[in-house]
PDB file of N, CA and C in Angstrom:
ATOM      1  N   MET A   1     -13.905 -29.231 -78.932  1.00  0.00           N
ATOM      2  CA  MET A   1     -14.514 -28.284 -78.034  1.00  0.00           C
ATOM      3  C   MET A   1     -15.897 -28.810 -77.645  1.00  0.00           C
ATOM      4  N   THR A   2     -16.217 -28.665 -76.366  1.00  0.00           N
ATOM      5  CA  THR A   2     -17.542 -29.063 -75.893  1.00  0.00           C
ATOM      6  C   THR A   2     -18.300 -27.819 -75.436  1.00  0.00           C
ATOM      7  N   THR A   3     -19.582 -27.808 -75.706  1.00  0.00           N
ATOM      8  CA  THR A   3     -20.432 -26.691 -75.318  1.00  0.00           C
ATOM      9  C   THR A   3     -21.553 -27.217 -74.438  1.00  0.00           C
ATOM     10  N   THR A   4     -21.733 -26.582 -73.261  1.00  0.00           N
ATOM     11  CA  THR A   4     -22.838 -26.928 -72.372  1.00  0.00           C
ATOM     12  C   THR A   4     -23.657 -25.675 -72.107  1.00  0.00           C
ATOM     13  N   THR A   5     -24.953 -25.861 -71.965  1.00  0.00           N
ATOM     14  CA  THR A   5     -25.860 -24.751 -71.675  1.00  0.00           C
ATOM     15  C   THR A   5     -26.727 -25.127 -70.494  1.00  0.00           C
ATOM     16  N   GLU A   6     -26.856 -24.194 -69.551  1.00  0.00           N
ATOM     17  CA  GLU A   6     -27.737 -24.425 -68.413  1.00  0.00           C
ATOM     18  C   GLU A   6     -28.503 -23.137 -68.117  1.00  0.00           C
ATOM     19  N   TYR A   7     -29.630 -23.309 -67.477  1.00  0.00           N
ATOM     20  CA  TYR A   7     -30.465 -22.178 -67.099  1.00  0.00           C
ATOM     21  C   TYR A   7     -30.570 -22.145 -65.577  1.00  0.00           C
ATOM     22  N   LYS A   8     -30.359 -20.968 -65.000  1.00  0.00           N
ATOM     23  CA  LYS A   8     -30.450 -20.814 -63.549  1.00  0.00           C
ATOM     24  C   LYS A   8     -31.374 -19.661 -63.219  1.00  0.00           C
ATOM     25  N   THR A   9     -32.066 -19.814 -62.106  1.00  0.00           N
ATOM     26  CA  THR A   9     -32.956 -18.764 -61.646  1.00  0.00           C
ATOM     27  C   THR A   9     -32.208 -17.904 -60.634  1.00  0.00           C
ATOM     28  N   ARG A  10     -32.229 -16.605 -60.838  1.00  0.00           N
ATOM     29  CA  ARG A  10     -31.581 -15.643 -59.948  1.00  0.00           C
ATOM     30  C   ARG A  10     -32.637 -14.705 -59.388  1.00  0.00           C
ATOM     31  N   THR A  11     -32.349 -14.138 -58.232  1.00  0.00           N
ATOM     32  CA  THR A  11     -33.253 -13.135 -57.667  1.00  0.00           C
ATOM     33  C   THR A  11     -32.512 -11.819 -57.561  1.00  0.00           C
ATOM     34  N   ASP A  12     -33.218 -10.770 -57.879  1.00  0.00           N
ATOM     35  CA  ASP A  12     -32.673  -9.422 -57.786  1.00  0.00           C
ATOM     36  C   ASP A  12     -33.617  -8.626 -56.894  1.00  0.00           C
ATOM     37  N   GLY A  13     -33.382  -8.707 -55.592  1.00  0.00           N
ATOM     38  CA  GLY A  13     -34.305  -8.048 -54.677  1.00  0.00           C
ATOM     39  C   GLY A  13     -35.600  -8.815 -54.607  1.00  0.00           C
ATOM     40  N   LYS A  14     -36.624  -8.306 -55.265  1.00  0.00           N
ATOM     41  CA  LYS A  14     -37.954  -8.909 -55.204  1.00  0.00           C
ATOM     42  C   LYS A  14     -38.272  -9.795 -56.402  1.00  0.00           C
ATOM     43  N   LYS A  15     -37.592  -9.580 -57.513  1.00  0.00           N
ATOM     44  CA  LYS A  15     -37.943 -10.283 -58.750  1.00  0.00           C
ATOM     45  C   LYS A  15     -37.038 -11.473 -58.995  1.00  0.00           C
ATOM     46  N   GLU A  16     -37.611 -12.521 -59.563  1.00  0.00           N
ATOM     47  CA  GLU A  16     -36.853 -13.676 -60.018  1.00  0.00           C
ATOM     48  C   GLU A  16     -36.743 -13.600 -61.530  1.00  0.00           C
ATOM     49  N   TYR A  17     -35.590 -14.000 -62.026  1.00  0.00           N
ATOM     50  CA  TYR A  17     -35.406 -14.050 -63.469  1.00  0.00           C
ATOM     51  C   TYR A  17     -34.489 -15.223 -63.799  1.00  0.00           C
ATOM     52  N   GLN A  18     -34.533 -15.630 -65.052  1.00  0.00           N
ATOM     53  CA  GLN A  18     -33.758 -16.787 -65.487  1.00  0.00           C
ATOM     54  C   GLN A  18     -32.610 -16.316 -66.374  1.00  0.00           C
ATOM     55  N   VAL A  19     -31.398 -16.840 -66.101  1.00  0.00           N
ATOM     56  CA  VAL A  19     -30.240 -16.529 -66.927  1.00  0.00           C
ATOM     57  C   VAL A  19     -29.798 -17.800 -67.660  1.00  0.00           C
ATOM     58  N   LYS A  20     -29.225 -17.592 -68.818  1.00  0.00           N
ATOM     59  CA  LYS A  20     -28.707 -18.692 -69.627  1.00  0.00           C
ATOM     60  C   LYS A  20     -27.185 -18.647 -69.529  1.00  0.00           C
ATOM     61  N   ILE A  21     -26.565 -19.766 -69.113  1.00  0.00           N
ATOM     62  CA  ILE A  21     -25.114 -19.850 -68.974  1.00  0.00           C
ATOM     63  C   ILE A  21     -24.603 -20.873 -69.988  1.00  0.00           C
ATOM     64  N   THR A  22     -23.747 -20.415 -70.890  1.00  0.00           N
ATOM     65  CA  THR A  22     -23.167 -21.274 -71.913  1.00  0.00           C
ATOM     66  C   THR A  22     -21.666 -21.347 -71.677  1.00  0.00           C
ATOM     67  N   ARG A  23     -21.137 -22.561 -71.622  1.00  0.00           N
ATOM     68  CA  ARG A  23     -19.704 -22.767 -71.436  1.00  0.00           C
ATOM     69  C   ARG A  23     -19.145 -23.511 -72.653  1.00  0.00           C
ATOM     70  N   GLN A  24     -18.074 -22.962 -73.206  1.00  0.00           N
ATOM     71  CA  GLN A  24     -17.376 -23.600 -74.322  1.00  0.00           C
ATOM     72  C   GLN A  24     -15.989 -23.985 -73.814  1.00  0.00           C
ATOM     73  N   LYS A  25     -15.755 -25.293 -73.657  1.00  0.00           N
ATOM     74  CA  LYS A  25     -14.464 -25.780 -73.152  1.00  0.00           C
ATOM     75  C   LYS A  25     -13.654 -26.351 -74.300  1.00  0.00           C
ATOM     76  N   GLY A  26     -12.368 -26.038 -74.303  1.00  0.00           N
ATOM     77  CA  GLY A  26     -11.462 -26.482 -75.352  1.00  0.00           C
ATOM     78  C   GLY A  26     -10.650 -25.304 -75.846  1.00  0.00           C
ATOM     79  N   LEU A  27      -9.457 -25.565 -76.325  1.00  0.00           N
ATOM     80  CA  LEU A  27      -8.595 -24.494 -76.800  1.00  0.00           C
ATOM     81  C   LEU A  27      -9.185 -23.837 -78.037  1.00  0.00           C
ATOM     82  N   GLN A  28      -9.204 -22.508 -78.012  1.00  0.00           N
ATOM     83  CA  GLN A  28      -9.663 -21.737 -79.151  1.00  0.00           C
ATOM     84  C   GLN A  28      -9.047 -20.345 -79.087  1.00  0.00           C
ATOM     85  N   THR A  29      -8.971 -19.692 -80.208  1.00  0.00           N
ATOM     86  CA  THR A  29      -8.394 -18.361 -80.288  1.00  0.00           C
ATOM     87  C   THR A  29      -9.516 -17.343 -80.420  1.00  0.00           C
ATOM     88  N   VAL A  30      -9.490 -16.313 -79.570  1.00  0.00           N
ATOM     89  CA  VAL A  30     -10.476 -15.240 -79.611  1.00  0.00           C
ATOM     90  C   VAL A  30      -9.740 -13.904 -79.640  1.00  0.00           C
ATOM     91  N   MET A  31     -10.433 -12.866 -80.039  1.00  0.00           N
ATOM     92  CA  MET A  31      -9.853 -11.522 -80.051  1.00  0.00           C
ATOM     93  C   MET A  31     -10.192 -10.840 -78.727  1.00  0.00           C
ATOM     94  N   ILE A  32      -9.172 -10.472 -77.967  1.00  0.00           N
ATOM     95  CA  ILE A  32      -9.342  -9.729 -76.726  1.00  0.00           C
ATOM     96  C   ILE A  32      -8.508  -8.464 -76.845  1.00  0.00           C
ATOM     97  N   ASP A  33      -9.141  -7.314 -76.746  1.00  0.00           N
ATOM     98  CA  ASP A  33      -8.472  -6.019 -76.908  1.00  0.00           C
ATOM     99  C   ASP A  33      -7.705  -5.940 -78.227  1.00  0.00           C
ATOM    100  N   GLY A  34      -8.278  -6.507 -79.277  1.00  0.00           N
ATOM    101  CA  GLY A  34      -7.673  -6.442 -80.598  1.00  0.00           C
ATOM    102  C   GLY A  34      -6.521  -7.397 -80.824  1.00  0.00           C
ATOM    103  N   GLN A  35      -6.228  -8.258 -79.860  1.00  0.00           N
ATOM    104  CA  GLN A  35      -5.129  -9.215 -79.981  1.00  0.00           C
ATOM    105  C   GLN A  35      -5.682 -10.641 -79.989  1.00  0.00           C
ATOM    106  N   PRO A  36      -5.193 -11.502 -80.888  1.00  0.00           N
ATOM    107  CA  PRO A  36      -5.618 -12.903 -80.834  1.00  0.00           C
ATOM    108  C   PRO A  36      -5.041 -13.551 -79.572  1.00  0.00           C
ATOM    109  N   THR A  37      -5.913 -14.208 -78.807  1.00  0.00           N
ATOM    110  CA  THR A  37      -5.531 -14.794 -77.527  1.00  0.00           C
ATOM    111  C   THR A  37      -6.022 -16.230 -77.469  1.00  0.00           C
ATOM    112  N   LEU A  38      -5.166 -17.138 -77.001  1.00  0.00           N
ATOM    113  CA  LEU A  38      -5.532 -18.542 -76.846  1.00  0.00           C
ATOM    114  C   LEU A  38      -6.224 -18.717 -75.502  1.00  0.00           C
ATOM    115  N   VAL A  39      -7.445 -19.255 -75.512  1.00  0.00           N
ATOM    116  CA  VAL A  39      -8.210 -19.458 -74.281  1.00  0.00           C
ATOM    117  C   VAL A  39      -8.592 -20.928 -74.137  1.00  0.00           C
ATOM    118  N   GLU A  40      -8.779 -21.340 -72.867  1.00  0.00           N
ATOM    119  CA  GLU A  40      -9.189 -22.714 -72.572  1.00  0.00           C
ATOM    120  C   GLU A  40     -10.697 -22.842 -72.470  1.00  0.00           C
ATOM    121  N   GLN A  41     -11.354 -21.767 -72.000  1.00  0.00           N
ATOM    122  CA  GLN A  41     -12.805 -21.826 -71.779  1.00  0.00           C
ATOM    123  C   GLN A  41     -13.408 -20.439 -71.943  1.00  0.00           C
ATOM    124  N   ILE A  42     -14.623 -20.417 -72.464  1.00  0.00           N
ATOM    125  CA  ILE A  42     -15.403 -19.184 -72.565  1.00  0.00           C
ATOM    126  C   ILE A  42     -16.719 -19.425 -71.839  1.00  0.00           C
ATOM    127  N   THR A  43     -17.095 -18.485 -70.962  1.00  0.00           N
ATOM    128  CA  THR A  43     -18.380 -18.560 -70.267  1.00  0.00           C
ATOM    129  C   THR A  43     -19.191 -17.339 -70.666  1.00  0.00           C
ATOM    130  N   ILE A  44     -20.402 -17.582 -71.175  1.00  0.00           N
ATOM    131  CA  ILE A  44     -21.291 -16.513 -71.608  1.00  0.00           C
ATOM    132  C   ILE A  44     -22.546 -16.567 -70.750  1.00  0.00           C
ATOM    133  N   ILE A  45     -22.851 -15.456 -70.080  1.00  0.00           N
ATOM    134  CA  ILE A  45     -24.046 -15.373 -69.239  1.00  0.00           C
ATOM    135  C   ILE A  45     -24.984 -14.352 -69.870  1.00  0.00           C
ATOM    136  N   GLU A  46     -26.181 -14.824 -70.240  1.00  0.00           N
ATOM    137  CA  GLU A  46     -27.168 -13.968 -70.896  1.00  0.00           C
ATOM    138  C   GLU A  46     -28.341 -13.727 -69.960  1.00  0.00           C
ATOM    139  N   GLY A  47     -28.576 -12.465 -69.648  1.00  0.00           N
ATOM    140  CA  GLY A  47     -29.715 -12.096 -68.818  1.00  0.00           C
ATOM    141  C   GLY A  47     -30.911 -11.757 -69.677  1.00  0.00           C
ATOM    142  N   PRO A  48     -32.091 -11.699 -69.077  1.00  0.00           N
ATOM    143  CA  PRO A  48     -33.299 -11.389 -69.847  1.00  0.00           C
ATOM    144  C   PRO A  48     -33.390  -9.897 -70.168  1.00  0.00           C
ATOM    145  N   GLY A  49     -34.109  -9.604 -71.232  1.00  0.00           N
ATOM    146  CA  GLY A  49     -34.408  -8.220 -71.580  1.00  0.00           C
ATOM    147  C   GLY A  49     -33.172  -7.361 -71.740  1.00  0.00           C
ATOM    148  N   ASN A  50     -33.174  -6.230 -71.037  1.00  0.00           N
ATOM    149  CA  ASN A  50     -32.070  -5.287 -71.172  1.00  0.00           C
ATOM    150  C   ASN A  50     -30.958  -5.518 -70.140  1.00  0.00           C
ATOM    151  N   MET A  51     -30.939  -6.671 -69.478  1.00  0.00           N
ATOM    152  CA  MET A  51     -29.904  -6.962 -68.484  1.00  0.00           C
ATOM    153  C   MET A  51     -28.553  -7.222 -69.136  1.00  0.00           C
ATOM    154  N   GLY A  52     -28.549  -7.622 -70.396  1.00  0.00           N
ATOM    155  CA  GLY A  52     -27.307  -7.747 -71.134  1.00  0.00           C
ATOM    156  C   GLY A  52     -26.657  -9.112 -71.070  1.00  0.00           C
ATOM    157  N   THR A  53     -25.454  -9.162 -71.638  1.00  0.00           N
ATOM    158  CA  THR A  53     -24.678 -10.390 -71.739  1.00  0.00           C
ATOM    159  C   THR A  53     -23.290 -10.146 -71.164  1.00  0.00           C
ATOM    160  N   SER A  54     -22.777 -11.135 -70.443  1.00  0.00           N
ATOM    161  CA  SER A  54     -21.435 -11.064 -69.871  1.00  0.00           C
ATOM    162  C   SER A  54     -20.627 -12.231 -70.412  1.00  0.00           C
ATOM    163  N   THR A  55     -19.380 -11.949 -70.799  1.00  0.00           N
ATOM    164  CA  THR A  55     -18.507 -12.986 -71.330  1.00  0.00           C
ATOM    165  C   THR A  55     -17.221 -13.025 -70.516  1.00  0.00           C
ATOM    166  N   ALA A  56     -16.812 -14.221 -70.097  1.00  0.00           N
ATOM    167  CA  ALA A  56     -15.572 -14.398 -69.329  1.00  0.00           C
ATOM    168  C   ALA A  56     -14.701 -15.431 -70.037  1.00  0.00           C
ATOM    169  N   TYR A  57     -13.396 -15.191 -70.013  1.00  0.00           N
ATOM    170  CA  TYR A  57     -12.447 -16.076 -70.673  1.00  0.00           C
ATOM    171  C   TYR A  57     -11.470 -16.647 -69.654  1.00  0.00           C
ATOM    172  N   THR A  58     -11.089 -17.912 -69.839  1.00  0.00           N
ATOM    173  CA  THR A  58      -9.994 -18.513 -69.082  1.00  0.00           C
ATOM    174  C   THR A  58      -8.826 -18.623 -70.060  1.00  0.00           C
ATOM    175  N   ILE A  59      -7.834 -17.754 -69.864  1.00  0.00           N
ATOM    176  CA  ILE A  59      -6.712 -17.688 -70.783  1.00  0.00           C
ATOM    177  C   ILE A  59      -5.816 -18.908 -70.586  1.00  0.00           C
ATOM    178  N   ALA A  60      -5.407 -19.519 -71.695  1.00  0.00           N
ATOM    179  CA  ALA A  60      -4.569 -20.715 -71.655  1.00  0.00           C
ATOM    180  C   ALA A  60      -3.155 -20.342 -71.227  1.00  0.00           C
ATOM    181  N   ARG A  61      -2.579 -21.189 -70.398  1.00  0.00           N
ATOM    182  CA  ARG A  61      -1.197 -20.994 -69.976  1.00  0.00           C
ATOM    183  C   ARG A  61      -0.271 -21.708 -70.927  1.00  0.00           C
ATOM    184  N   LYS A  62       0.922 -21.150 -71.060  1.00  0.00           N
ATOM    185  CA  LYS A  62       1.928 -21.825 -71.877  1.00  0.00           C
ATOM    186  C   LYS A  62       2.411 -23.042 -71.101  1.00  0.00           C
ATOM    187  N   PRO A  63       2.554 -24.186 -71.762  1.00  0.00           N
ATOM    188  CA  PRO A  63       3.021 -25.384 -71.052  1.00  0.00           C
ATOM    189  C   PRO A  63       4.456 -25.193 -70.548  1.00  0.00           C
ATOM    190  N   LYS A  64       4.718 -25.711 -69.338  1.00  0.00           N
ATOM    191  CA  LYS A  64       6.050 -25.616 -68.751  1.00  0.00           C
ATOM    192  C   LYS A  64       6.873 -26.824 -69.182  1.00  0.00           C
ATOM    193  N   SER A  65       8.183 -26.588 -69.307  1.00  0.00           N
ATOM    194  CA  SER A  65       9.084 -27.703 -69.613  1.00  0.00           C
ATOM    195  C   SER A  65       9.203 -28.568 -68.361  1.00  0.00           C
ATOM    196  N   PRO A  66       9.635 -29.818 -68.505  1.00  0.00           N
ATOM    197  CA  PRO A  66       9.806 -30.678 -67.325  1.00  0.00           C
ATOM    198  C   PRO A  66      10.762 -30.081 -66.290  1.00  0.00           C
ATOM    199  N   GLU A  67      11.784 -29.366 -66.755  1.00  0.00           N
ATOM    200  CA  GLU A  67      12.731 -28.747 -65.833  1.00  0.00           C
ATOM    201  C   GLU A  67      12.068 -27.624 -65.037  1.00  0.00           C
ATOM    202  N   GLU A  68      11.256 -26.802 -65.738  1.00  0.00           N
ATOM    203  CA  GLU A  68      10.548 -25.719 -65.053  1.00  0.00           C
ATOM    204  C   GLU A  68       9.549 -26.270 -64.043  1.00  0.00           C
ATOM    205  N   GLU A  69       8.858 -27.326 -64.425  1.00  0.00           N
ATOM    206  CA  GLU A  69       7.883 -27.944 -63.524  1.00  0.00           C
ATOM    207  C   GLU A  69       8.574 -28.508 -62.285  1.00  0.00           C
ATOM    208  N   ALA A  70       9.715 -29.173 -62.470  1.00  0.00           N
ATOM    209  CA  ALA A  70      10.459 -29.736 -61.336  1.00  0.00           C
ATOM    210  C   ALA A  70      10.966 -28.636 -60.415  1.00  0.00           C
ATOM    211  N   ALA A  71      11.467 -27.540 -60.984  1.00  0.00           N
ATOM    212  CA  ALA A  71      11.947 -26.418 -60.172  1.00  0.00           C
ATOM    213  C   ALA A  71      10.799 -25.790 -59.389  1.00  0.00           C
ATOM    214  N   PHE A  72       9.644 -25.670 -60.031  1.00  0.00           N
ATOM    215  CA  PHE A  72       8.475 -25.113 -59.348  1.00  0.00           C
ATOM    216  C   PHE A  72       8.065 -25.980 -58.165  1.00  0.00           C
ATOM    217  N   LEU A  73       7.994 -27.296 -58.368  1.00  0.00           N
ATOM    218  CA  LEU A  73       7.596 -28.208 -57.290  1.00  0.00           C
ATOM    219  C   LEU A  73       8.614 -28.218 -56.154  1.00  0.00           C
ATOM    220  N   THR A  74       9.904 -28.117 -56.480  1.00  0.00           N
ATOM    221  CA  THR A  74      10.933 -28.032 -55.451  1.00  0.00           C
ATOM    222  C   THR A  74      10.747 -26.779 -54.614  1.00  0.00           C
ATOM    223  N   ASN A  75      10.455 -25.664 -55.258  1.00  0.00           N
ATOM    224  CA  ASN A  75      10.223 -24.412 -54.543  1.00  0.00           C
ATOM    225  C   ASN A  75       8.990 -24.518 -53.645  1.00  0.00           C
ATOM    226  N   VAL A  76       7.923 -25.143 -54.133  1.00  0.00           N
ATOM    227  CA  VAL A  76       6.709 -25.315 -53.323  1.00  0.00           C
ATOM    228  C   VAL A  76       7.023 -26.134 -52.083  1.00  0.00           C
ATOM    229  N   ARG A  77       7.765 -27.218 -52.241  1.00  0.00           N
ATOM    230  CA  ARG A  77       8.129 -28.057 -51.084  1.00  0.00           C
ATOM    231  C   ARG A  77       8.948 -27.270 -50.065  1.00  0.00           C
ATOM    232  N   GLU A  78       9.886 -26.446 -50.543  1.00  0.00           N
ATOM    233  CA  GLU A  78      10.717 -25.645 -49.640  1.00  0.00           C
ATOM    234  C   GLU A  78       9.881 -24.631 -48.858  1.00  0.00           C
ATOM    235  N   VAL A  79       8.961 -23.969 -49.535  1.00  0.00           N
ATOM    236  CA  VAL A  79       8.105 -22.977 -48.878  1.00  0.00           C
ATOM    237  C   VAL A  79       7.216 -23.647 -47.837  1.00  0.00           C
ATOM    238  N   ILE A  80       6.645 -24.785 -48.171  1.00  0.00           N
ATOM    239  CA  ILE A  80       5.776 -25.503 -47.231  1.00  0.00           C
ATOM    240  C   ILE A  80       6.576 -25.979 -46.028  1.00  0.00           C
ATOM    241  N   THR A  81       7.761 -26.534 -46.268  1.00  0.00           N
ATOM    242  CA  THR A  81       8.601 -27.012 -45.168  1.00  0.00           C
ATOM    243  C   THR A  81       8.975 -25.861 -44.244  1.00  0.00           C
ATOM    244  N   THR A  82       9.369 -24.739 -44.805  1.00  0.00           N
ATOM    245  CA  THR A  82       9.734 -23.569 -44.009  1.00  0.00           C
ATOM    246  C   THR A  82       8.549 -23.105 -43.168  1.00  0.00           C
ATOM    247  N   GLY A  83       7.368 -23.068 -43.762  1.00  0.00           N
ATOM    248  CA  GLY A  83       6.167 -22.659 -43.035  1.00  0.00           C
ATOM    249  C   GLY A  83       5.839 -23.593 -41.890  1.00  0.00           C
ATOM    250  N   LEU A  84       5.918 -24.898 -42.143  1.00  0.00           N
ATOM    251  CA  LEU A  84       5.617 -25.876 -41.082  1.00  0.00           C
ATOM    252  C   LEU A  84       6.639 -25.787 -39.942  1.00  0.00           C
ATOM    253  N   ILE A  85       7.923 -25.595 -40.297  1.00  0.00           N
ATOM    254  CA  ILE A  85       8.953 -25.477 -39.254  1.00  0.00           C
ATOM    255  C   ILE A  85       8.738 -24.213 -38.436  1.00  0.00           C
ATOM    256  N   SER A  86       8.425 -23.092 -39.103  1.00  0.00           N
ATOM    257  CA  SER A  86       8.237 -21.834 -38.361  1.00  0.00           C
ATOM    258  C   SER A  86       7.021 -21.876 -37.441  1.00  0.00           C
ATOM    259  N   GLN A  87       6.045 -22.704 -37.746  1.00  0.00           N
ATOM    260  CA  GLN A  87       4.868 -22.838 -36.906  1.00  0.00           C
ATOM    261  C   GLN A  87       5.056 -23.919 -35.837  1.00  0.00           C
ATOM    262  N   GLY A  88       6.194 -24.598 -35.857  1.00  0.00           N
ATOM    263  CA  GLY A  88       6.459 -25.635 -34.863  1.00  0.00           C
ATOM    264  C   GLY A  88       5.720 -26.918 -35.134  1.00  0.00           C
ATOM    265  N   ILE A  89       5.201 -27.093 -36.316  1.00  0.00           N
ATOM    266  CA  ILE A  89       4.443 -28.294 -36.656  1.00  0.00           C
ATOM    267  C   ILE A  89       5.389 -29.427 -37.055  1.00  0.00           C
ATOM    268  N   TRP A  90       6.532 -29.052 -37.614  1.00  0.00           N
ATOM    269  CA  TRP A  90       7.445 -30.070 -38.095  1.00  0.00           C
ATOM    270  C   TRP A  90       8.810 -29.879 -37.534  1.00  0.00           C
TER     271      TRP A  90
END
């Protein structure tokens, strides 16, 4: 897992303030709504004073089998071809 931290300046109307953004990339298990969940990335945004903290998760997808991936790509090609033909492009 890799962790990066950056600071950005934001404006809220007339005032400027600095927020701290921390990103944790890599598979990890966290508790979301009382259930253990596998996530790929966590982003934590910390505001100054009483502005609070916000946390966002990128939930990990289950890997597709080669057959599922091939079927998905075939469907994408069919949809794109149909769209191009209906628009008179192809």
